[in-house]
N, C-alpha and C. Protein backbone atom coordinates (compact mmCIF):
# COMPACT_ATOMS: atom_id res chain seq x y z
N UNK A 1 38.68 154.55 75.59
CA UNK A 1 38.48 155.91 76.14
C UNK A 1 39.71 155.99 77.08
N UNK A 2 40.14 155.23 77.91
CA UNK A 2 41.44 155.42 78.67
C UNK A 2 42.47 155.71 77.85
N UNK A 3 42.71 154.90 76.85
CA UNK A 3 44.06 155.08 76.08
C UNK A 3 43.95 156.39 75.43
N UNK A 4 42.81 157.01 75.03
CA UNK A 4 42.71 158.33 74.32
C UNK A 4 42.88 159.40 75.40
N UNK A 5 42.38 159.18 76.58
CA UNK A 5 42.65 160.35 77.70
C UNK A 5 44.11 160.28 77.99
N UNK A 6 44.78 159.16 78.22
CA UNK A 6 46.23 159.12 78.68
C UNK A 6 47.01 159.40 77.65
N UNK A 7 46.79 159.26 76.36
CA UNK A 7 47.53 159.79 75.33
C UNK A 7 47.57 161.34 75.30
N UNK A 8 46.42 161.80 75.44
CA UNK A 8 46.06 163.41 75.55
C UNK A 8 46.78 163.98 76.76
N UNK A 9 46.96 163.31 77.79
CA UNK A 9 47.67 163.91 78.85
C UNK A 9 49.10 163.59 78.90
N UNK A 10 49.68 162.80 77.77
CA UNK A 10 51.05 162.60 77.73
C UNK A 10 51.60 161.39 78.44
N UNK A 11 50.62 160.45 78.85
CA UNK A 11 51.05 159.26 79.73
C UNK A 11 51.43 158.06 78.68
N UNK A 12 52.32 157.27 79.24
CA UNK A 12 52.64 156.15 78.64
C UNK A 12 51.50 155.01 78.68
N UNK A 13 51.18 154.51 77.72
CA UNK A 13 50.13 153.56 77.51
C UNK A 13 50.53 152.23 76.97
N UNK A 14 51.09 151.29 77.99
CA UNK A 14 51.15 150.06 77.38
C UNK A 14 49.97 149.17 77.43
N UNK A 15 49.98 148.32 76.22
CA UNK A 15 48.64 147.64 76.11
C UNK A 15 48.88 146.19 76.13
N UNK A 16 48.32 145.43 77.02
CA UNK A 16 48.52 143.82 77.23
C UNK A 16 47.16 143.25 76.62
N UNK A 17 47.21 142.40 75.90
CA UNK A 17 46.09 141.70 75.43
C UNK A 17 45.23 140.86 76.37
N UNK A 18 43.92 140.63 76.14
CA UNK A 18 43.31 139.95 77.03
C UNK A 18 43.40 138.59 76.88
N UNK A 19 43.70 137.83 77.88
CA UNK A 19 44.09 136.47 77.96
C UNK A 19 42.69 135.63 78.00
N UNK A 20 42.74 134.36 77.86
CA UNK A 20 41.56 133.45 78.14
C UNK A 20 41.12 133.36 79.51
N UNK A 21 41.89 133.48 80.45
CA UNK A 21 41.54 133.43 81.88
C UNK A 21 41.48 134.78 82.51
N UNK A 22 40.38 135.31 82.75
CA UNK A 22 40.41 136.85 83.21
C UNK A 22 41.23 137.02 84.61
N UNK A 23 41.13 135.99 85.37
CA UNK A 23 41.75 136.18 86.77
C UNK A 23 43.30 136.13 86.40
N UNK A 24 43.85 135.22 85.53
CA UNK A 24 45.25 135.23 85.19
C UNK A 24 45.78 136.61 84.52
N UNK A 25 44.70 137.01 83.60
CA UNK A 25 45.24 138.28 82.68
C UNK A 25 45.25 139.35 83.98
N UNK A 26 44.23 139.58 84.76
CA UNK A 26 44.33 140.62 85.57
C UNK A 26 45.42 140.59 86.56
N UNK A 27 45.93 139.31 87.05
CA UNK A 27 47.11 139.19 87.89
C UNK A 27 48.28 139.58 87.19
N UNK A 28 48.50 139.24 85.92
CA UNK A 28 49.62 139.61 85.11
C UNK A 28 49.56 141.08 84.86
N UNK A 29 48.60 141.78 84.74
CA UNK A 29 48.45 143.23 84.50
C UNK A 29 48.85 143.88 85.69
N UNK A 30 48.34 143.37 86.80
CA UNK A 30 48.84 144.12 88.25
C UNK A 30 50.28 143.97 88.36
N UNK A 31 50.92 142.84 88.00
CA UNK A 31 52.44 142.54 88.28
C UNK A 31 53.05 143.58 87.25
N UNK A 32 52.68 143.44 86.10
CA UNK A 32 53.25 144.56 85.07
C UNK A 32 53.12 145.96 85.43
N UNK A 33 52.04 146.29 86.02
CA UNK A 33 51.69 147.75 86.27
C UNK A 33 52.62 148.20 87.43
N UNK A 34 52.83 147.19 88.35
CA UNK A 34 53.48 147.67 89.66
C UNK A 34 54.92 147.54 89.52
N UNK A 35 55.48 146.87 88.37
CA UNK A 35 56.85 146.69 88.27
C UNK A 35 57.36 148.22 88.27
N UNK A 36 57.11 149.04 87.30
CA UNK A 36 57.60 150.55 87.23
C UNK A 36 57.03 151.53 88.32
N UNK A 37 56.53 151.02 89.41
CA UNK A 37 55.77 151.81 90.30
C UNK A 37 56.65 153.12 90.90
N UNK A 38 57.70 153.03 90.94
CA UNK A 38 58.68 154.17 91.29
C UNK A 38 58.96 155.16 90.17
N UNK A 39 58.58 155.00 88.92
CA UNK A 39 58.78 155.80 87.67
C UNK A 39 57.46 156.47 87.43
N UNK A 40 56.45 156.30 87.92
CA UNK A 40 55.19 156.91 87.83
C UNK A 40 54.47 157.54 89.14
N UNK A 41 53.61 158.64 88.89
CA UNK A 41 52.99 158.99 89.92
C UNK A 41 51.42 158.21 90.02
N UNK A 42 51.12 157.62 88.99
CA UNK A 42 49.79 157.21 88.68
C UNK A 42 49.89 155.92 87.82
N UNK A 43 49.16 154.73 88.13
CA UNK A 43 49.14 153.41 87.51
C UNK A 43 47.77 153.19 87.43
N UNK A 44 47.26 152.93 86.33
CA UNK A 44 45.73 152.52 86.11
C UNK A 44 45.75 151.18 85.36
N UNK A 45 45.18 150.04 85.93
CA UNK A 45 44.98 148.78 85.29
C UNK A 45 43.58 148.63 84.95
N UNK A 46 43.19 148.20 83.78
CA UNK A 46 41.86 148.16 83.59
C UNK A 46 41.65 146.70 82.77
N UNK A 47 40.53 146.01 82.81
CA UNK A 47 40.24 144.67 82.19
C UNK A 47 38.90 144.95 81.58
N UNK A 48 38.69 144.46 80.42
CA UNK A 48 37.45 144.48 79.78
C UNK A 48 36.51 143.31 79.87
N UNK A 49 37.16 142.22 80.76
CA UNK A 49 36.42 141.06 80.91
C UNK A 49 35.02 141.00 81.58
N UNK A 50 34.80 141.94 82.39
CA UNK A 50 33.33 141.92 83.01
C UNK A 50 32.42 142.60 81.90
N UNK A 51 32.92 143.71 81.10
CA UNK A 51 32.20 144.39 80.08
C UNK A 51 31.70 143.22 78.94
N UNK A 52 32.49 142.44 78.49
CA UNK A 52 32.40 141.43 77.55
C UNK A 52 31.28 140.36 78.24
N UNK A 53 31.56 139.83 79.33
CA UNK A 53 30.59 139.02 79.91
C UNK A 53 29.35 139.60 80.11
N UNK A 54 29.12 140.85 80.32
CA UNK A 54 27.89 141.43 80.42
C UNK A 54 27.08 141.51 79.20
N UNK A 55 27.75 141.83 78.10
CA UNK A 55 27.39 141.90 76.71
C UNK A 55 26.94 140.74 76.18
N UNK A 56 27.49 139.67 76.69
CA UNK A 56 27.03 138.33 76.34
C UNK A 56 25.64 137.91 77.02
N UNK A 57 25.21 138.73 77.89
CA UNK A 57 23.82 138.49 78.32
C UNK A 57 23.78 137.21 79.14
N UNK A 58 24.94 136.81 79.79
CA UNK A 58 24.95 135.48 80.47
C UNK A 58 25.31 135.80 82.05
N UNK A 59 24.36 135.89 82.89
CA UNK A 59 24.68 136.22 84.38
C UNK A 59 25.75 135.42 84.92
N UNK A 60 25.77 134.16 84.65
CA UNK A 60 26.51 133.06 85.23
C UNK A 60 28.08 133.20 84.79
N UNK A 61 28.13 133.79 83.51
CA UNK A 61 29.52 134.00 82.97
C UNK A 61 30.01 135.22 83.67
N UNK A 62 29.07 136.35 83.85
CA UNK A 62 29.59 137.54 84.46
C UNK A 62 29.92 137.26 85.90
N UNK A 63 29.27 136.38 86.61
CA UNK A 63 29.52 136.16 88.02
C UNK A 63 31.06 135.33 88.01
N UNK A 64 31.16 134.34 87.11
CA UNK A 64 32.36 133.67 87.20
C UNK A 64 33.65 134.65 86.89
N UNK A 65 33.35 135.59 85.99
CA UNK A 65 34.54 136.45 85.71
C UNK A 65 34.88 137.39 86.77
N UNK A 66 33.77 137.94 87.44
CA UNK A 66 33.84 138.73 88.58
C UNK A 66 34.71 138.02 89.58
N UNK A 67 34.21 136.65 90.11
CA UNK A 67 34.89 136.02 90.98
C UNK A 67 36.27 135.58 90.63
N UNK A 68 36.66 135.48 89.28
CA UNK A 68 38.19 135.18 88.99
C UNK A 68 38.89 136.45 89.23
N UNK A 69 38.34 137.68 88.59
CA UNK A 69 39.01 138.97 88.95
C UNK A 69 39.19 139.28 90.46
N UNK A 70 38.24 138.88 91.17
CA UNK A 70 38.29 139.13 92.70
C UNK A 70 39.55 138.37 93.23
N UNK A 71 39.66 136.93 92.96
CA UNK A 71 40.62 136.14 93.38
C UNK A 71 42.00 136.64 93.04
N UNK A 72 42.12 137.24 91.68
CA UNK A 72 43.44 137.79 91.18
C UNK A 72 43.90 138.97 92.04
N UNK A 73 42.73 139.77 92.26
CA UNK A 73 43.15 141.05 92.91
C UNK A 73 43.41 140.75 94.40
N UNK A 74 43.12 139.65 95.02
CA UNK A 74 43.26 139.50 96.40
C UNK A 74 44.62 138.96 96.79
N UNK A 75 45.16 138.28 95.67
CA UNK A 75 46.29 137.40 95.85
C UNK A 75 47.70 138.32 95.20
């Protein structure tokens, strides 16, 4: 959905694959997203990790994913 909306608005849509470790993946995406910060008015970073964990119907997995993402976004 985000890619379609961004394309319709004429935004650049770089896509980075999801890594094995959701925290490392988010940290990487944040670094990559902030690199061109002076070139854009808006930067959106999204990860599908919590959605995938929720669809697995495993609350412990979802908790661990959220904790990894929280740790990555704080650092």
